[in-house]
Protein backbone atom coordinates (compact mmCIF):
# COMPACT_ATOMS: atom_id res chain seq x y z
CA MET A 1 0.00 0.00 0.00
CA ASN A 2 1.32 3.46 -0.91
CA HIS A 3 1.79 5.75 2.08
CA LYS A 4 2.05 9.54 1.98
CA ALA A 5 3.66 11.76 4.58
CA GLY A 6 5.00 15.27 4.79
CA PHE A 7 5.33 18.56 6.59
CA VAL A 8 2.55 21.10 6.09
CA ASN A 9 3.58 24.51 7.42
CA ILE A 10 0.91 27.12 8.07
CA ILE A 11 1.84 30.79 7.65
CA GLY A 12 -0.02 34.10 7.57
CA LEU A 13 -0.44 37.42 9.32
CA PRO A 14 -1.39 37.71 13.02
CA ASN A 15 -4.96 36.85 13.98
CA VAL A 16 -5.93 35.36 10.62
CA GLY A 17 -6.94 32.01 12.17
CA LYS A 18 -3.86 29.79 11.71
CA SER A 19 -4.02 28.29 15.21
CA THR A 20 -7.78 27.78 15.02
CA LEU A 21 -7.30 26.01 11.68
CA MET A 22 -4.60 23.65 12.95
CA ASN A 23 -6.58 22.81 16.08
CA ALA A 24 -9.64 22.08 13.96
CA LEU A 25 -7.74 19.81 11.56
CA ILE A 26 -6.01 17.90 14.35
CA GLY A 27 -9.07 17.71 16.56
CA GLU A 28 -7.18 18.92 19.65
CA ARG A 29 -6.36 22.33 21.14
CA LEU A 30 -2.60 22.35 20.68
CA SER A 31 -2.20 26.05 19.91
CA ILE A 32 -3.59 28.61 22.32
CA ILE A 33 -6.18 31.03 20.97
CA SER A 34 -7.40 34.49 21.92
CA PRO A 35 -9.08 37.35 20.05
CA LYS A 36 -5.84 39.34 20.33
CA ALA A 37 -3.22 39.38 17.58
CA GLN A 38 0.19 37.73 18.12
CA THR A 39 -1.09 35.17 20.63
CA THR A 40 1.03 32.41 19.06
CA ARG A 41 4.74 32.88 19.75
CA TYR A 42 6.22 29.47 19.02
CA ARG A 43 6.24 27.00 16.20
CA ILE A 44 4.14 24.00 17.25
CA GLN A 45 3.79 20.70 15.39
CA GLY A 46 0.70 18.52 15.42
CA MET A 47 0.07 15.27 13.56
CA VAL A 48 -2.95 13.95 11.67
CA ASN A 49 -2.77 10.26 10.81
CA GLY A 50 -4.73 7.98 8.52
CA ALA A 51 -4.15 4.41 7.45
CA ASP A 52 -2.17 5.55 4.40
CA TYR A 53 -0.97 9.04 5.36
CA GLN A 54 0.61 11.23 8.02
CA ILE A 55 0.37 15.03 7.90
CA VAL A 56 2.75 16.89 10.21
CA PHE A 57 1.25 20.36 10.64
CA SER A 58 3.32 23.26 11.88
CA ASP A 59 1.57 26.31 13.33
CA THR A 60 3.68 29.46 13.27
CA PRO A 61 3.45 32.95 14.77
CA GLY A 62 1.81 35.59 12.63
CA PHE A 63 4.39 37.33 10.46
CA ILE A 64 5.17 40.86 11.71
CA ASN A 65 6.38 43.22 9.00
CA GLN A 66 8.08 45.72 11.31
CA PRO A 67 9.11 44.01 14.56
CA ALA A 68 9.17 46.37 17.52
CA TYR A 69 11.06 43.99 19.80
CA LYS A 70 13.71 41.30 19.45
CA LEU A 71 10.98 38.91 20.60
CA GLN A 72 8.95 39.68 17.47
CA ALA A 73 12.03 39.31 15.28
CA SER A 74 12.61 35.89 16.86
CA MET A 75 8.99 34.97 16.18
CA ASN A 76 9.57 35.87 12.52
CA GLU A 77 12.49 33.42 12.50
CA PHE A 78 10.01 30.61 13.15
CA VAL A 79 8.10 31.74 10.04
CA ASP A 80 11.31 31.85 7.97
CA GLU A 81 12.13 28.29 9.07
CA ALA A 82 8.63 27.17 8.09
CA LEU A 83 9.09 28.64 4.62
CA GLU A 84 12.25 26.60 4.13
CA ASP A 85 11.48 23.11 5.42
CA ALA A 86 7.95 22.34 4.20
CA ASP A 87 6.62 19.79 1.73
CA LEU A 88 3.53 21.97 1.48
CA ILE A 89 3.29 25.64 2.45
CA VAL A 90 -0.18 26.88 3.38
CA LEU A 91 -0.90 30.61 3.44
CA VAL A 92 -4.00 31.47 5.45
CA THR A 93 -5.69 34.72 4.51
CA ASP A 94 -9.12 36.35 4.60
CA LYS A 95 -10.91 39.40 3.25
CA PHE A 96 -9.81 41.55 6.18
CA GLN A 97 -6.05 41.35 5.48
CA LYS A 98 -4.14 44.26 3.96
CA GLU A 99 -2.27 43.43 0.75
CA GLU A 100 0.83 45.43 1.67
CA GLU A 101 1.20 43.49 4.93
CA GLU A 102 0.96 40.15 3.12
CA ALA A 103 3.33 41.21 0.34
CA HIS A 104 6.47 39.56 1.80
CA LEU A 105 4.76 36.20 2.24
CA VAL A 106 3.12 36.36 -1.20
CA GLU A 107 6.44 37.24 -2.83
CA TRP A 108 8.16 34.32 -1.15
CA MET A 109 5.42 31.87 -2.14
CA GLY A 110 5.62 33.07 -5.72
CA LYS A 111 9.34 32.25 -5.86
CA THR A 112 9.43 28.93 -4.02
CA GLU A 113 9.60 25.59 -5.79
CA GLN A 114 7.67 23.96 -2.96
CA VAL A 115 4.01 23.02 -3.31
CA THR A 116 1.73 25.82 -2.07
CA MET A 117 -1.87 26.38 -1.03
CA VAL A 118 -3.87 29.50 -0.23
CA LEU A 119 -6.73 29.06 2.24
CA ILE A 120 -9.30 31.84 2.26
CA ASN A 121 -10.53 31.68 5.85
CA LYS A 122 -13.78 32.89 7.46
CA MET A 123 -15.75 32.04 4.31
CA ASP A 124 -19.00 32.06 6.30
CA LEU A 125 -18.61 35.82 6.92
CA TYR A 126 -18.57 36.91 3.27
CA GLN A 127 -21.23 38.64 1.23
CA PRO A 128 -22.49 37.00 -2.00
CA GLY A 129 -19.83 37.21 -4.69
CA GLU A 130 -16.98 38.18 -2.34
CA LEU A 131 -15.55 34.67 -2.10
CA GLU A 132 -15.54 34.21 -5.86
CA GLU A 133 -13.72 37.52 -6.35
CA LEU A 134 -11.15 36.68 -3.69
CA THR A 135 -10.54 33.26 -5.21
CA LYS A 136 -9.93 34.81 -8.65
CA LYS A 137 -7.59 37.41 -7.12
CA TRP A 138 -5.47 34.78 -5.38
CA LYS A 139 -5.29 32.61 -8.48
CA ARG A 140 -3.92 35.62 -10.33
CA LYS A 141 -1.42 36.37 -7.57
CA LEU A 142 -0.21 32.79 -7.14
CA PRO A 143 -1.20 30.81 -10.24
CA LEU A 144 0.65 27.67 -9.12
CA ALA A 145 -1.03 27.53 -5.71
CA GLN A 146 -4.14 25.53 -4.88
CA VAL A 147 -6.80 27.96 -3.64
CA MET A 148 -9.56 26.78 -1.31
CA PRO A 149 -12.11 28.54 0.93
CA VAL A 150 -12.43 27.32 4.54
CA SER A 151 -13.89 28.28 7.88
CA ALA A 152 -11.47 27.30 10.63
CA SER A 153 -13.90 28.15 13.43
CA SER A 154 -16.84 26.13 12.08
CA GLY A 155 -14.88 23.39 10.33
CA ILE A 156 -16.33 24.01 6.85
CA ASN A 157 -14.28 22.13 4.21
CA SER A 158 -11.98 20.53 6.83
CA MET A 159 -12.25 16.99 5.50
CA LYS A 160 -12.03 18.20 1.90
CA LEU A 161 -8.88 20.11 2.86
CA ILE A 162 -7.25 17.06 4.48
CA LYS A 163 -7.97 15.02 1.36
CA LYS A 164 -6.44 17.69 -0.90
CA MET A 165 -3.34 17.96 1.29
CA VAL A 166 -2.78 14.20 1.18
CA GLU A 167 -2.95 14.35 -2.63
CA LEU A 168 -0.23 17.02 -2.65
CA LEU A 169 2.18 15.26 -0.27
CA PRO A 170 4.98 12.92 -1.45
CA GLU A 171 5.02 9.19 -0.95
CA SER A 172 6.90 8.50 2.27
CA PRO A 173 6.74 6.37 5.42
CA PRO A 174 5.51 8.21 8.53
CA TYR A 175 8.00 10.51 10.24
CA TYR A 176 6.57 9.96 13.73
CA ASP A 177 4.86 7.19 15.64
CA LYS A 178 1.21 7.32 14.62
CA GLU A 179 0.13 7.49 18.25
CA GLN A 180 2.07 10.74 18.70
CA LEU A 181 0.05 13.94 18.56
CA THR A 182 2.68 16.68 18.90
CA ASP A 183 6.39 17.41 19.27
CA ARG A 184 5.88 19.41 22.48
CA ASN A 185 5.85 18.12 26.06
CA THR A 186 3.37 18.66 28.89
CA ARG A 187 5.41 21.42 30.54
CA PHE A 188 5.23 23.45 27.33
CA PHE A 189 1.45 23.16 27.14
CA VAL A 190 1.08 24.06 30.82
CA SER A 191 3.01 27.30 30.24
CA GLU A 192 0.96 28.04 27.13
CA ILE A 193 -2.33 27.46 28.96
CA VAL A 194 -1.34 29.96 31.66
CA ARG A 195 -0.30 32.44 28.97
CA GLU A 196 -3.61 31.95 27.16
CA LYS A 197 -5.55 32.81 30.32
CA ILE A 198 -3.48 35.97 30.69
CA PHE A 199 -4.35 36.95 27.11
CA LEU A 200 -8.03 36.37 27.82
CA ASN A 201 -8.15 38.23 31.15
CA TYR A 202 -6.00 41.32 30.58
CA SER A 203 -5.97 44.13 28.04
CA ALA A 204 -3.45 46.61 26.67
CA GLU A 205 0.22 45.67 27.01
CA ILE A 206 0.02 43.15 29.87
CA PRO A 207 -0.34 39.93 27.80
CA TYR A 208 2.43 40.93 25.41
CA SER A 209 4.83 41.69 28.26
CA CYS A 210 4.32 38.31 29.93
CA GLN A 211 6.33 35.13 29.60
CA VAL A 212 5.45 31.96 31.53
CA GLU A 213 7.97 29.39 32.70
CA VAL A 214 7.24 26.13 34.51
CA GLU A 215 9.64 26.16 37.45
CA LYS A 216 8.49 22.89 39.03
CA TYR A 217 6.41 19.96 37.82
CA GLU A 218 5.96 17.05 40.23
CA GLU A 219 3.85 14.23 38.86
CA GLY A 220 1.77 12.09 41.19
CA ASP A 221 -0.63 9.20 40.72
CA LYS A 222 -3.66 11.34 41.49
CA LEU A 223 -2.27 14.87 41.76
CA ASP A 224 0.33 16.91 39.85
CA ARG A 225 1.99 19.82 41.65
CA ILE A 226 3.02 22.68 39.36
CA ARG A 227 4.71 26.00 40.03
CA CYS A 228 4.86 28.62 37.27
CA ILE A 229 6.72 31.90 37.13
CA ILE A 230 5.10 34.70 35.14
CA TYR A 231 7.73 37.19 34.03
CA ILE A 232 6.65 40.78 33.41
CA GLU A 233 8.71 43.80 32.35
CA ARG A 234 7.75 46.48 34.89
CA GLU A 235 6.69 46.71 38.53
CA SER A 236 3.57 48.63 37.51
CA GLN A 237 2.56 45.72 35.26
CA LYS A 238 3.14 43.29 38.11
CA ILE A 239 0.67 45.21 40.26
CA ILE A 240 -1.98 45.05 37.52
CA LEU A 241 -1.31 41.37 36.85
CA ILE A 242 -1.77 40.42 40.50
CA GLY A 243 -4.74 42.73 41.04
CA LYS A 244 -6.33 43.99 44.23
CA ASN A 245 -5.85 41.43 47.01
CA GLY A 246 -4.49 39.04 44.38
CA GLU A 247 -7.94 38.52 42.84
CA ALA A 248 -6.89 38.97 39.17
CA LEU A 249 -4.07 36.45 39.38
CA LYS A 250 -6.28 34.07 41.35
CA LYS A 251 -8.82 34.11 38.50
CA VAL A 252 -6.08 33.26 35.99
CA GLY A 253 -4.94 30.43 38.24
CA ILE A 254 -8.40 28.92 38.59
CA GLU A 255 -9.04 29.01 34.83
CA ALA A 256 -5.59 27.64 34.03
CA ARG A 257 -5.84 24.86 36.61
CA LYS A 258 -9.13 23.63 35.13
CA ALA A 259 -7.66 23.59 31.62
CA ILE A 260 -4.50 21.80 32.80
CA GLU A 261 -6.60 19.19 34.59
CA ASP A 262 -8.44 18.56 31.32
CA LEU A 263 -5.05 18.14 29.65
CA VAL A 264 -3.46 15.73 32.15
CA GLN A 265 -6.71 14.05 33.20
CA LYS A 266 -6.09 14.32 36.94
CA GLN A 267 -6.15 16.87 39.74
CA VAL A 268 -3.62 19.69 39.68
CA HIS A 269 -2.25 21.96 42.39
CA LEU A 270 -1.10 25.10 40.56
CA GLU A 271 0.95 27.93 42.02
CA LEU A 272 1.57 31.15 40.09
CA PHE A 273 4.27 33.67 41.00
CA VAL A 274 5.04 36.97 39.27
CA LYS A 275 8.57 38.32 38.80
CA VAL A 276 9.84 41.44 37.04
CA LYS A 277 12.42 40.83 34.30
CA ASP A 278 13.25 44.24 32.89
CA LYS A 279 12.98 44.55 29.09
CA TRP A 280 13.15 40.78 28.56
CA ARG A 281 11.57 41.12 25.10
CA ASN A 282 14.73 42.87 23.88
CA ASP A 283 17.24 40.78 25.82
CA PRO A 284 18.94 38.05 23.70
CA LEU A 285 19.82 35.93 26.76
CA SER A 286 16.26 36.00 28.07
CA LEU A 287 14.87 35.16 24.63
CA LYS A 288 17.23 32.21 24.34
CA LYS A 289 16.27 31.01 27.83
CA PHE A 290 12.59 31.14 26.85
CA GLY A 291 13.15 29.24 23.58
CA TYR A 292 12.88 31.99 20.99
CA GLY A 293 15.02 31.74 17.88
CA ASN A 294 18.66 30.85 17.44
CA LYS A 295 20.13 34.26 16.64
């Protein structure tokens, strides 16, 4: 029996729905999601397996045209890597994106010899005729790319998309054990869950100034004990993050603990501590410590 396998790397601008799409295709919440742009900071792999195929998806941070911090430049490095090592490159777009902001990604896709797809997301939000016009526009821009409308949030065309991707992948044995779902460990997902709850509970600059690190993870038969450090850039931000009488941070902890318990399928004792790490987003040593980029 012929078997197909390959790496499908998902790229696009911030908040276009890349993480929602990958989660929908895999059937698990691997990438954290919030309504705010730039929620995804890392490159995360997730696998979809069938009897005769394995798709290794890679979710990437949204490409930032003019990085304001070294952190954002490091996030762009993940996108650059994804453009280089894919069997299939998937650009996610929608009618709300600005052409000048997508120009770098479109230019790269037009030059690459790799197989490419353009997914027009949020198709259920379009007026009559809009989708047809967008499809024609993208076929003119990238004539070699497969163009398909999808709705990541509602799952429209998901199975059709998987089938098309399998057709485009090379014949190959699987790259990973077919029982494996992702390349990341539990500690990573714990830190991402805490960070997601911060994105959902705070506004302005607070979520973007936070980094979460799992300091301790003690596994037990019935209970896991976890201690996380939330790094913030300024003392004033620390005060906001903790909140009056610690209530704001307590709310984050309760929501995160419930989500982590769903992940590990047992009870969790979660402790959250906040520390100030001045200007960590522009500090190469801090970025390396937190797993951002190689430069």
